[in-house]
Amino acid sequence: GPSIHVAHIGDAGCLVASWNRHDSRVLYGTQDHKPDSPGERERLEAAGSEVRQVDVESFRIYIKGTNFPGLTMSRAFGDTACAGVLQEPHYHQMFVQPSDEFYAVIASDGIWEFIDYAKAVDLSAKKCRSQVAS
C-alpha cells in the first residue's frame, strides 16, 4: 500500500498527521538528535568527543580538552569538527490508508519548545477542516 517516508537529522522537528472531518492524530513525530539522547552520549564519547552539561537542560559536544565548538546536536549536516557527530539521518516509513488525508509540520526547535506535537496537530487540523469547508 501507499507509504510516507521521513528522514530526519538535527533538532528541527517533523510530525506527520492524519485528519478527517471529525478526527486528527499524530502518526509520527521525530525525536531531536541531542547529545543527552539515549545512546548518543555514549556513542559520541566512544568516538573521542567530550559531552558536557552546560545548564540544567542543555548538553554540548566539544573536541576533547577544548571549549570548541560546543555543538548542541549529535547529528547534523555540515558540523564535522567533533568526532562522532553523524551526518546520517534517522529514517522512518509508515504505511497509510489511501482514503486518509495527511500532512507534515516541520519547524525549528525554537517553535517546538513552546508547542507540542499534539497541540500543533489540533491547530493545523482545524485549519485543514476550515479550508475544505469553505
N, C-alpha and C. Protein backbone atom coordinates (compact mmCIF):
# COMPACT_ATOMS: atom_id res chain seq x y z
N GLY A 1 0.81 -1.19 0.00
CA GLY A 1 0.00 0.00 0.00
C GLY A 1 0.85 1.25 0.00
N PRO A 2 0.21 2.40 -0.02
CA PRO A 2 0.95 3.67 -0.01
C PRO A 2 1.71 3.87 1.30
N SER A 3 2.79 4.61 1.21
CA SER A 3 3.58 4.86 2.41
C SER A 3 4.14 6.28 2.40
N ILE A 4 4.52 6.72 3.57
CA ILE A 4 5.17 8.02 3.76
C ILE A 4 6.54 7.73 4.34
N HIS A 5 7.55 8.40 3.80
CA HIS A 5 8.93 8.23 4.25
C HIS A 5 9.40 9.52 4.90
N VAL A 6 10.04 9.41 6.06
CA VAL A 6 10.57 10.57 6.76
C VAL A 6 12.04 10.30 7.07
N ALA A 7 12.92 11.21 6.64
CA ALA A 7 14.34 11.17 7.03
C ALA A 7 14.60 12.45 7.81
N HIS A 8 15.27 12.32 8.95
CA HIS A 8 15.39 13.46 9.87
C HIS A 8 16.79 13.49 10.48
N ILE A 9 17.32 14.70 10.60
CA ILE A 9 18.62 14.88 11.25
C ILE A 9 18.60 16.22 11.99
N GLY A 10 19.21 16.26 13.17
CA GLY A 10 19.32 17.52 13.90
C GLY A 10 18.20 17.74 14.90
N ASP A 11 17.85 19.01 15.11
CA ASP A 11 16.84 19.34 16.12
C ASP A 11 15.65 20.11 15.57
N ALA A 12 15.52 20.20 14.26
CA ALA A 12 14.26 20.70 13.68
C ALA A 12 13.32 19.50 13.66
N GLY A 13 12.14 19.67 14.21
CA GLY A 13 11.22 18.54 14.34
C GLY A 13 10.23 18.45 13.20
N CYS A 14 9.79 17.23 12.95
CA CYS A 14 8.78 16.97 11.92
C CYS A 14 7.72 16.05 12.51
N LEU A 15 6.48 16.41 12.29
CA LEU A 15 5.41 15.49 12.65
C LEU A 15 4.60 15.20 11.39
N VAL A 16 4.10 13.99 11.31
CA VAL A 16 3.20 13.58 10.24
C VAL A 16 1.87 13.27 10.90
N ALA A 17 0.80 13.82 10.35
CA ALA A 17 -0.52 13.66 10.96
C ALA A 17 -1.56 13.30 9.91
N SER A 18 -2.66 12.74 10.38
CA SER A 18 -3.80 12.49 9.50
C SER A 18 -4.99 13.26 10.06
N TRP A 19 -5.93 13.53 9.19
CA TRP A 19 -7.12 14.25 9.62
C TRP A 19 -8.30 13.87 8.74
N ASN A 20 -9.49 14.06 9.29
CA ASN A 20 -10.73 13.97 8.53
C ASN A 20 -11.70 14.97 9.15
N ARG A 21 -12.97 14.89 8.80
CA ARG A 21 -13.93 15.88 9.31
C ARG A 21 -14.08 15.85 10.82
N HIS A 22 -13.82 14.69 11.44
CA HIS A 22 -14.12 14.53 12.86
C HIS A 22 -12.90 14.33 13.75
N ASP A 23 -11.78 13.95 13.18
CA ASP A 23 -10.66 13.50 13.99
C ASP A 23 -9.33 13.91 13.38
N SER A 24 -8.33 14.01 14.21
CA SER A 24 -6.96 14.22 13.74
C SER A 24 -6.04 13.51 14.71
N ARG A 25 -4.88 13.07 14.20
CA ARG A 25 -3.96 12.39 15.10
C ARG A 25 -2.53 12.44 14.57
N VAL A 26 -1.59 12.40 15.51
CA VAL A 26 -0.18 12.32 15.17
C VAL A 26 0.12 10.89 14.76
N LEU A 27 0.68 10.71 13.57
CA LEU A 27 1.10 9.38 13.13
C LEU A 27 2.56 9.12 13.49
N TYR A 28 3.36 10.17 13.41
CA TYR A 28 4.79 10.02 13.69
C TYR A 28 5.37 11.39 14.03
N GLY A 29 6.25 11.41 14.99
CA GLY A 29 6.97 12.63 15.34
C GLY A 29 8.44 12.31 15.56
N THR A 30 9.30 13.12 15.00
CA THR A 30 10.74 12.90 15.13
C THR A 30 11.20 13.22 16.55
N GLN A 31 12.32 12.67 16.91
CA GLN A 31 12.99 12.96 18.17
C GLN A 31 14.27 13.73 17.86
N ASP A 32 14.55 14.76 18.63
CA ASP A 32 15.77 15.55 18.42
C ASP A 32 17.02 14.70 18.60
N HIS A 33 18.03 15.02 17.82
CA HIS A 33 19.34 14.38 17.97
C HIS A 33 20.18 15.25 18.89
N LYS A 34 20.06 15.01 20.16
CA LYS A 34 20.76 15.78 21.20
C LYS A 34 21.85 14.91 21.83
N PRO A 35 22.90 15.54 22.35
CA PRO A 35 23.98 14.75 22.95
C PRO A 35 23.56 13.97 24.19
N ASP A 36 22.45 14.34 24.83
CA ASP A 36 21.99 13.60 26.00
C ASP A 36 20.88 12.60 25.67
N SER A 37 20.57 12.42 24.38
CA SER A 37 19.58 11.42 23.98
C SER A 37 20.11 10.02 24.26
N PRO A 38 19.22 9.06 24.53
CA PRO A 38 19.67 7.70 24.82
C PRO A 38 20.61 7.15 23.73
N GLY A 39 21.77 6.71 24.16
CA GLY A 39 22.75 6.13 23.25
C GLY A 39 23.67 7.12 22.57
N GLU A 40 23.25 8.37 22.44
CA GLU A 40 24.05 9.35 21.71
C GLU A 40 25.30 9.77 22.50
N ARG A 41 25.15 10.05 23.78
CA ARG A 41 26.31 10.47 24.58
C ARG A 41 27.39 9.39 24.57
N GLU A 42 26.98 8.16 24.78
CA GLU A 42 27.93 7.05 24.80
C GLU A 42 28.65 6.93 23.46
N ARG A 43 27.91 7.05 22.37
CA ARG A 43 28.49 6.95 21.04
C ARG A 43 29.48 8.08 20.79
N LEU A 44 29.12 9.30 21.16
CA LEU A 44 29.99 10.46 20.97
C LEU A 44 31.28 10.34 21.78
N GLU A 45 31.15 9.94 23.04
CA GLU A 45 32.34 9.81 23.89
C GLU A 45 33.23 8.66 23.43
N ALA A 46 32.63 7.57 22.96
CA ALA A 46 33.43 6.45 22.45
C ALA A 46 34.21 6.86 21.20
N ALA A 47 33.66 7.83 20.44
CA ALA A 47 34.34 8.31 19.22
C ALA A 47 35.43 9.33 19.54
N GLY A 48 35.49 9.81 20.80
CA GLY A 48 36.55 10.73 21.18
C GLY A 48 36.11 12.15 21.49
N SER A 49 34.83 12.44 21.40
CA SER A 49 34.34 13.77 21.75
C SER A 49 34.05 13.84 23.24
N GLU A 50 33.89 15.05 23.73
CA GLU A 50 33.55 15.28 25.13
C GLU A 50 32.16 15.90 25.20
N VAL A 51 31.29 15.33 26.02
CA VAL A 51 29.94 15.85 26.20
C VAL A 51 29.87 16.45 27.60
N ARG A 52 29.46 17.73 27.67
CA ARG A 52 29.37 18.42 28.96
C ARG A 52 27.97 19.00 29.14
N GLN A 53 27.50 18.91 30.37
CA GLN A 53 26.24 19.57 30.73
C GLN A 53 26.57 21.03 31.01
N VAL A 54 25.90 21.94 30.29
CA VAL A 54 26.20 23.37 30.43
C VAL A 54 25.16 24.11 31.27
N ASP A 55 23.99 23.54 31.42
CA ASP A 55 22.99 24.05 32.36
C ASP A 55 22.03 22.91 32.65
N VAL A 56 20.95 23.21 33.35
CA VAL A 56 20.04 22.16 33.82
C VAL A 56 19.52 21.27 32.68
N GLU A 57 19.20 21.85 31.53
CA GLU A 57 18.59 21.10 30.45
C GLU A 57 19.44 20.99 29.19
N SER A 58 20.66 21.47 29.22
CA SER A 58 21.43 21.57 27.98
C SER A 58 22.79 20.89 28.07
N PHE A 59 23.10 20.11 27.03
CA PHE A 59 24.39 19.47 26.89
C PHE A 59 25.01 19.94 25.59
N ARG A 60 26.34 20.00 25.56
CA ARG A 60 27.06 20.39 24.34
C ARG A 60 28.21 19.43 24.08
N ILE A 61 28.61 19.39 22.81
CA ILE A 61 29.67 18.49 22.37
C ILE A 61 30.91 19.32 22.05
N TYR A 62 32.05 18.88 22.59
CA TYR A 62 33.32 19.59 22.39
C TYR A 62 34.39 18.63 21.91
N ILE A 63 35.38 19.19 21.22
CA ILE A 63 36.61 18.45 20.96
C ILE A 63 37.26 18.27 22.33
N LYS A 64 37.63 17.05 22.64
CA LYS A 64 38.15 16.72 23.97
C LYS A 64 39.25 17.70 24.40
N GLY A 65 39.08 18.25 25.62
CA GLY A 65 40.07 19.15 26.19
C GLY A 65 39.99 20.59 25.71
N THR A 66 38.95 20.93 24.93
CA THR A 66 38.81 22.30 24.43
C THR A 66 37.43 22.85 24.78
N ASN A 67 37.20 24.10 24.46
CA ASN A 67 35.88 24.70 24.58
C ASN A 67 35.29 24.97 23.20
N PHE A 68 35.65 24.15 22.24
CA PHE A 68 35.22 24.29 20.86
C PHE A 68 34.64 22.98 20.38
N PRO A 69 33.63 22.93 19.57
CA PRO A 69 32.76 24.00 19.09
C PRO A 69 31.50 24.18 19.92
N GLY A 70 31.19 23.29 20.85
CA GLY A 70 30.00 23.44 21.68
C GLY A 70 28.71 23.14 20.94
N LEU A 71 28.72 22.07 20.15
CA LEU A 71 27.52 21.71 19.36
C LEU A 71 26.39 21.23 20.27
N THR A 72 25.17 21.56 19.89
CA THR A 72 24.00 21.12 20.65
C THR A 72 23.30 19.93 20.01
N MET A 73 23.76 19.50 18.85
CA MET A 73 23.16 18.37 18.14
C MET A 73 24.18 17.26 17.94
N SER A 74 23.72 16.02 18.10
CA SER A 74 24.61 14.88 17.93
C SER A 74 24.62 14.35 16.50
N ARG A 75 23.70 14.83 15.68
CA ARG A 75 23.66 14.51 14.26
C ARG A 75 23.34 15.80 13.51
N ALA A 76 24.12 16.07 12.47
CA ALA A 76 23.91 17.31 11.72
C ALA A 76 24.65 17.23 10.39
N PHE A 77 24.11 17.87 9.38
CA PHE A 77 24.83 18.03 8.12
C PHE A 77 25.78 19.21 8.28
N GLY A 78 27.04 19.03 7.96
CA GLY A 78 27.98 20.14 7.94
C GLY A 78 28.82 20.32 9.18
N ASP A 79 28.37 19.88 10.35
CA ASP A 79 29.16 20.03 11.57
C ASP A 79 30.05 18.81 11.75
N THR A 80 31.28 18.90 11.26
CA THR A 80 32.17 17.74 11.28
C THR A 80 33.36 17.91 12.22
N ALA A 81 33.41 18.97 13.00
CA ALA A 81 34.57 19.22 13.86
C ALA A 81 34.72 18.18 14.97
N CYS A 82 33.62 17.70 15.51
CA CYS A 82 33.67 16.76 16.63
C CYS A 82 33.52 15.32 16.15
N ALA A 83 34.36 14.46 16.68
CA ALA A 83 34.27 13.04 16.35
C ALA A 83 32.94 12.48 16.84
N GLY A 84 32.31 11.68 16.01
CA GLY A 84 31.07 11.03 16.40
C GLY A 84 29.80 11.77 16.02
N VAL A 85 29.90 13.03 15.61
CA VAL A 85 28.70 13.74 15.14
C VAL A 85 28.39 13.18 13.75
N LEU A 86 27.27 12.49 13.66
CA LEU A 86 26.93 11.78 12.43
C LEU A 86 26.21 12.68 11.44
N GLN A 87 26.43 12.41 10.16
CA GLN A 87 25.67 13.04 9.09
C GLN A 87 24.63 12.06 8.55
N GLU A 88 24.27 11.09 9.35
CA GLU A 88 23.32 10.05 8.95
C GLU A 88 21.96 10.30 9.61
N PRO A 89 20.92 10.54 8.82
CA PRO A 89 19.60 10.79 9.41
C PRO A 89 18.94 9.51 9.91
N HIS A 90 18.01 9.68 10.84
CA HIS A 90 17.11 8.58 11.18
C HIS A 90 16.09 8.49 10.05
N TYR A 91 15.63 7.29 9.76
CA TYR A 91 14.67 7.06 8.69
C TYR A 91 13.49 6.30 9.26
N HIS A 92 12.29 6.70 8.84
CA HIS A 92 11.07 6.02 9.28
C HIS A 92 10.11 5.93 8.10
N GLN A 93 9.50 4.77 7.94
CA GLN A 93 8.49 4.56 6.89
C GLN A 93 7.18 4.17 7.55
N MET A 94 6.09 4.79 7.10
CA MET A 94 4.76 4.49 7.60
C MET A 94 3.89 4.03 6.44
N PHE A 95 3.16 2.96 6.64
CA PHE A 95 2.18 2.53 5.64
C PHE A 95 0.85 3.15 6.02
N VAL A 96 0.16 3.72 5.04
CA VAL A 96 -1.04 4.50 5.31
C VAL A 96 -2.20 4.03 4.45
N GLN A 97 -3.39 4.42 4.87
CA GLN A 97 -4.60 4.11 4.12
C GLN A 97 -4.79 5.15 3.01
N PRO A 98 -5.05 4.71 1.78
CA PRO A 98 -5.20 5.68 0.69
C PRO A 98 -6.39 6.62 0.87
N SER A 99 -7.34 6.27 1.71
CA SER A 99 -8.52 7.12 1.91
C SER A 99 -8.28 8.25 2.91
N ASP A 100 -7.18 8.20 3.64
CA ASP A 100 -6.90 9.23 4.65
C ASP A 100 -6.24 10.46 4.03
N GLU A 101 -6.34 11.58 4.73
CA GLU A 101 -5.65 12.82 4.36
C GLU A 101 -4.46 12.98 5.29
N PHE A 102 -3.33 13.42 4.74
CA PHE A 102 -2.11 13.54 5.53
C PHE A 102 -1.45 14.89 5.33
N TYR A 103 -0.67 15.29 6.30
CA TYR A 103 0.16 16.48 6.15
C TYR A 103 1.34 16.36 7.11
N ALA A 104 2.33 17.20 6.89
CA ALA A 104 3.50 17.25 7.76
C ALA A 104 3.66 18.68 8.27
N VAL A 105 4.14 18.80 9.49
CA VAL A 105 4.51 20.09 10.06
C VAL A 105 5.99 19.99 10.40
N ILE A 106 6.78 20.88 9.83
CA ILE A 106 8.22 20.90 10.07
C ILE A 106 8.56 22.27 10.65
N ALA A 107 9.25 22.26 11.78
CA ALA A 107 9.58 23.54 12.44
C ALA A 107 10.89 23.41 13.21
N SER A 108 11.48 24.55 13.49
CA SER A 108 12.73 24.58 14.24
C SER A 108 12.48 24.26 15.72
N ASP A 109 13.56 23.98 16.42
CA ASP A 109 13.46 23.71 17.85
C ASP A 109 12.90 24.92 18.61
N GLY A 110 13.08 26.11 18.06
CA GLY A 110 12.53 27.32 18.69
C GLY A 110 11.01 27.35 18.71
N ILE A 111 10.38 26.65 17.79
CA ILE A 111 8.91 26.52 17.80
C ILE A 111 8.50 25.39 18.73
N TRP A 112 9.14 24.23 18.58
CA TRP A 112 8.74 23.05 19.35
C TRP A 112 8.98 23.20 20.85
N GLU A 113 9.81 24.14 21.28
CA GLU A 113 9.97 24.31 22.72
C GLU A 113 8.74 24.96 23.35
N PHE A 114 7.86 25.54 22.52
CA PHE A 114 6.67 26.20 23.04
C PHE A 114 5.36 25.49 22.69
N ILE A 115 5.39 24.54 21.77
CA ILE A 115 4.17 23.84 21.37
C ILE A 115 4.52 22.37 21.13
N ASP A 116 3.70 21.48 21.67
CA ASP A 116 3.99 20.06 21.46
C ASP A 116 3.27 19.55 20.21
N TYR A 117 3.61 18.35 19.79
CA TYR A 117 3.06 17.80 18.55
C TYR A 117 1.54 17.70 18.59
N ALA A 118 0.98 17.29 19.72
CA ALA A 118 -0.48 17.14 19.82
C ALA A 118 -1.18 18.48 19.61
N LYS A 119 -0.67 19.55 20.21
CA LYS A 119 -1.28 20.88 20.04
C LYS A 119 -1.13 21.36 18.60
N ALA A 120 0.03 21.11 17.99
CA ALA A 120 0.24 21.51 16.59
C ALA A 120 -0.75 20.80 15.67
N VAL A 121 -1.01 19.52 15.93
CA VAL A 121 -1.97 18.78 15.12
C VAL A 121 -3.37 19.31 15.34
N ASP A 122 -3.73 19.60 16.57
CA ASP A 122 -5.06 20.15 16.86
C ASP A 122 -5.28 21.45 16.09
N LEU A 123 -4.32 22.36 16.16
CA LEU A 123 -4.45 23.65 15.48
C LEU A 123 -4.45 23.51 13.96
N SER A 124 -3.54 22.71 13.44
CA SER A 124 -3.44 22.59 11.98
C SER A 124 -4.60 21.81 11.38
N ALA A 125 -5.11 20.81 12.08
CA ALA A 125 -6.26 20.06 11.57
C ALA A 125 -7.51 20.95 11.51
N LYS A 126 -7.67 21.83 12.49
CA LYS A 126 -8.79 22.79 12.45
C LYS A 126 -8.69 23.65 11.19
N LYS A 127 -7.49 24.09 10.87
CA LYS A 127 -7.29 24.91 9.67
C LYS A 127 -7.59 24.09 8.41
N CYS A 128 -7.13 22.84 8.36
CA CYS A 128 -7.41 21.98 7.20
C CYS A 128 -8.92 21.80 7.02
N ARG A 129 -9.63 21.52 8.11
CA ARG A 129 -11.08 21.32 8.02
C ARG A 129 -11.78 22.61 7.58
N SER A 130 -11.34 23.76 8.07
CA SER A 130 -11.99 25.02 7.69
C SER A 130 -11.74 25.33 6.21
N GLN A 131 -10.58 24.98 5.69
CA GLN A 131 -10.28 25.22 4.28
C GLN A 131 -11.15 24.34 3.38
N VAL A 132 -11.38 23.10 3.79
CA VAL A 132 -12.20 22.18 3.00
C VAL A 132 -13.66 22.62 3.04
N ALA A 133 -14.10 23.13 4.19
CA ALA A 133 -15.50 23.55 4.35
C ALA A 133 -15.82 24.80 3.55
N SER A 134 -14.83 25.63 3.25
CA SER A 134 -15.12 26.89 2.56
C SER A 134 -15.06 26.76 1.06
